[in-house]
């Protein structure tokens, strides 16, 4: 797939609509899923998805054909998602590290949340923005707390605290959901 992909990328650099359509069709499902993980609702996810694709096509001439093109696209989308969430940040404060509780083990695997993917996504979308953002960056993007802290301009302790609170919040919601199913 590398050769056709390079061809489509080169077409996009030339502003060729056919190349753009091919790139869109190849990567839209993954990138839309990424937007759904970060945003609270489908409308917001669609807005960011469209805006990020526009940015990607505007900046495609900056891609150097080194490394993963999908990774390059994801970085644009994550940056747009974070920018969008930061615009709302006035209303959302990250939990400061001085309020940390005894942190649970960060390395707890997401598989411990045993639910169908759609249901887990629905519950993740209910998390407060700051928890959802750190949770997604840590579990889905495989970022370390140091990277998250730099990206979000927070301390590592704040990143850890937000992850811990996100996991705790998710566990409570999942436990309540499972209890209601067993009733």
Protein backbone atom coordinates (compact mmCIF):
# COMPACT_ATOMS: atom_id res chain seq x y z
CA UNK A 1 0.00 0.00 0.00
CA UNK A 2 3.03 2.30 0.38
CA UNK A 3 3.39 3.08 -3.35
CA UNK A 4 -0.29 3.97 -3.99
CA UNK A 5 -0.34 5.96 -0.74
CA UNK A 6 2.72 7.96 -1.81
CA UNK A 7 1.01 8.57 -5.15
CA UNK A 8 -2.15 9.87 -3.43
CA UNK A 9 -0.08 12.09 -1.14
CA UNK A 10 1.74 13.58 -4.14
CA UNK A 11 -1.63 14.18 -5.81
CA UNK A 12 -2.83 15.98 -2.68
CA UNK A 13 0.27 18.17 -2.74
CA UNK A 14 -0.85 19.18 -6.26
CA UNK A 15 -4.35 19.96 -4.85
CA UNK A 16 -5.82 17.07 -6.84
CA UNK A 17 -9.37 16.31 -5.61
CA UNK A 18 -9.08 12.65 -6.58
CA UNK A 19 -5.98 12.23 -4.42
CA UNK A 20 -7.69 14.01 -1.55
CA UNK A 21 -10.72 11.73 -1.90
CA UNK A 22 -8.48 8.63 -1.78
CA UNK A 23 -6.66 9.84 1.34
CA UNK A 24 -9.99 10.73 2.94
CA UNK A 25 -11.47 7.30 2.19
CA UNK A 26 -8.38 5.49 3.47
CA UNK A 27 -8.10 7.31 6.77
CA UNK A 28 -11.55 8.73 7.59
CA UNK A 29 -12.78 5.76 9.68
CA UNK A 30 -9.73 5.77 11.97
CA UNK A 31 -9.58 9.55 12.27
CA UNK A 32 -13.31 9.92 12.89
CA UNK A 33 -13.01 7.29 15.63
CA UNK A 34 -10.18 9.33 17.12
CA UNK A 35 -12.40 12.44 17.15
CA UNK A 36 -15.23 10.50 18.79
CA UNK A 37 -12.90 9.40 21.60
CA UNK A 38 -12.03 12.97 22.50
CA UNK A 39 -15.23 14.90 21.98
CA UNK A 40 -18.37 14.66 24.09
CA UNK A 41 -20.79 14.31 21.21
CA UNK A 42 -21.02 13.42 17.55
CA UNK A 43 -21.60 16.99 16.34
CA UNK A 44 -18.42 18.26 18.00
CA UNK A 45 -16.50 15.24 16.69
CA UNK A 46 -17.72 15.92 13.13
CA UNK A 47 -16.71 19.59 13.38
CA UNK A 48 -13.19 18.79 14.54
CA UNK A 49 -12.93 15.95 12.00
CA UNK A 50 -13.74 18.32 9.11
CA UNK A 51 -11.50 21.11 10.38
CA UNK A 52 -8.58 18.75 10.95
CA UNK A 53 -8.87 17.27 7.46
CA UNK A 54 -8.79 20.78 5.99
CA UNK A 55 -5.64 21.51 8.01
CA UNK A 56 -4.08 18.21 6.92
CA UNK A 57 -4.69 18.96 3.25
CA UNK A 58 -3.36 22.50 3.69
CA UNK A 59 -0.19 21.18 5.34
CA UNK A 60 0.29 18.01 3.30
CA UNK A 61 3.24 19.56 1.47
CA UNK A 62 5.04 19.49 4.85
CA UNK A 63 4.90 15.69 5.00
CA UNK A 64 8.43 14.44 4.24
CA UNK A 65 7.60 10.83 3.28
CA UNK A 66 9.44 9.71 6.42
CA UNK A 67 7.70 7.65 9.04
CA UNK A 68 4.03 6.77 9.11
CA UNK A 69 1.68 9.01 7.16
CA UNK A 70 -1.16 7.85 9.42
CA UNK A 71 0.90 8.92 12.43
CA UNK A 72 1.48 12.31 10.80
CA UNK A 73 -2.27 12.69 10.20
CA UNK A 74 -3.12 11.60 13.75
CA UNK A 75 -0.78 14.24 15.18
CA UNK A 76 -2.65 16.94 13.23
CA UNK A 77 -5.97 15.60 14.48
CA UNK A 78 -4.81 15.33 18.09
CA UNK A 79 -3.45 18.88 17.96
CA UNK A 80 -6.78 20.13 16.58
CA UNK A 81 -8.69 18.20 19.23
CA UNK A 82 -6.54 19.65 21.99
CA UNK A 83 -6.84 23.15 20.53
CA UNK A 84 -10.63 22.79 20.44
CA UNK A 85 -10.77 21.51 24.01
CA UNK A 86 -8.40 24.26 25.16
CA UNK A 87 -10.78 26.87 23.76
CA UNK A 88 -13.30 25.50 26.23
CA UNK A 89 -10.70 25.31 28.97
CA UNK A 90 -11.90 28.54 30.54
CA UNK A 91 -14.75 26.49 31.94
CA UNK A 92 -12.66 23.40 32.62
CA UNK A 93 -9.74 23.31 35.00
CA UNK A 94 -7.30 20.45 35.25
CA UNK A 95 -7.15 18.96 38.71
CA UNK A 96 -4.01 20.36 40.27
CA UNK A 97 -1.43 17.91 41.51
CA UNK A 98 -1.67 19.27 45.05
CA UNK A 99 -5.12 17.69 45.22
CA UNK A 100 -3.91 14.25 44.19
CA UNK A 101 -5.36 11.25 45.88
CA UNK A 102 -3.27 8.15 46.42
CA UNK A 103 -2.70 7.31 42.78
CA UNK A 104 -3.60 3.87 41.49
CA UNK A 105 -1.15 2.02 39.30
CA UNK A 106 -0.91 3.89 35.98
CA UNK A 107 -0.08 0.73 34.13
CA UNK A 108 -3.51 -0.77 34.72
CA UNK A 109 -4.62 -1.94 31.32
CA UNK A 110 -7.72 -0.60 29.63
CA UNK A 111 -8.80 -4.20 29.07
CA UNK A 112 -9.83 -4.26 32.73
CA UNK A 113 -12.83 -2.23 31.55
CA UNK A 114 -14.58 -5.23 29.99
CA UNK A 115 -17.35 -3.72 27.87
CA UNK A 116 -18.15 -3.61 24.17
CA UNK A 117 -16.10 -0.88 22.49
CA UNK A 118 -19.15 1.27 21.63
CA UNK A 119 -20.36 1.26 25.24
CA UNK A 120 -16.88 2.06 26.58
CA UNK A 121 -16.61 4.95 24.12
CA UNK A 122 -20.00 6.24 25.27
CA UNK A 123 -18.87 6.17 28.91
CA UNK A 124 -15.51 7.78 28.07
CA UNK A 125 -17.37 10.61 26.31
CA UNK A 126 -19.19 11.32 29.58
CA UNK A 127 -15.94 12.05 31.40
CA UNK A 128 -15.11 15.69 32.10
CA UNK A 129 -12.93 17.12 29.31
CA UNK A 130 -9.70 17.19 31.31
CA UNK A 131 -10.03 13.55 32.41
CA UNK A 132 -11.10 12.34 28.98
CA UNK A 133 -8.20 14.11 27.29
CA UNK A 134 -5.52 12.66 29.57
CA UNK A 135 -7.16 9.22 29.54
CA UNK A 136 -7.24 9.10 25.74
CA UNK A 137 -3.70 10.38 25.29
CA UNK A 138 -2.40 7.86 27.80
CA UNK A 139 -4.32 4.74 26.78
CA UNK A 140 -5.09 5.22 23.11
CA UNK A 141 -2.15 7.32 21.94
CA UNK A 142 0.29 5.50 24.27
CA UNK A 143 1.82 8.76 25.50
CA UNK A 144 3.76 8.94 28.73
CA UNK A 145 2.79 11.41 31.45
CA UNK A 146 5.81 13.56 30.63
CA UNK A 147 4.65 13.91 27.00
CA UNK A 148 1.07 14.60 28.06
CA UNK A 149 2.25 17.25 30.51
CA UNK A 150 4.23 19.06 27.81
CA UNK A 151 1.42 18.78 25.25
CA UNK A 152 -1.25 20.08 27.64
CA UNK A 153 0.98 22.49 29.55
CA UNK A 154 0.28 20.81 32.89
CA UNK A 155 2.55 19.06 35.38
CA UNK A 156 3.23 15.32 35.26
CA UNK A 157 1.52 15.02 38.63
CA UNK A 158 -1.60 16.68 37.25
CA UNK A 159 -1.55 14.26 34.31
CA UNK A 160 -1.28 11.30 36.68
CA UNK A 161 -4.01 12.65 38.93
CA UNK A 162 -6.37 13.25 36.02
CA UNK A 163 -5.72 9.76 34.68
CA UNK A 164 -6.38 8.26 38.09
CA UNK A 165 -9.63 10.20 38.46
CA UNK A 166 -10.70 9.24 34.92
CA UNK A 167 -10.12 5.55 35.65
CA UNK A 168 -11.93 5.81 38.96
CA UNK A 169 -14.85 7.60 37.33
CA UNK A 170 -14.99 5.01 34.53
CA UNK A 171 -14.84 2.12 36.99
CA UNK A 172 -17.75 3.54 38.97
CA UNK A 173 -19.85 4.04 35.84
CA UNK A 174 -19.03 0.55 34.56
CA UNK A 175 -19.79 -1.04 37.93
CA UNK A 176 -23.13 0.78 38.06
CA UNK A 177 -23.91 -0.27 34.50
CA UNK A 178 -23.07 -3.93 35.21
CA UNK A 179 -25.14 -3.86 38.42
CA UNK A 180 -28.14 -2.48 36.56
CA UNK A 181 -27.83 -5.22 33.91
CA UNK A 182 -27.72 -7.92 36.61
CA UNK A 183 -30.82 -6.56 38.35
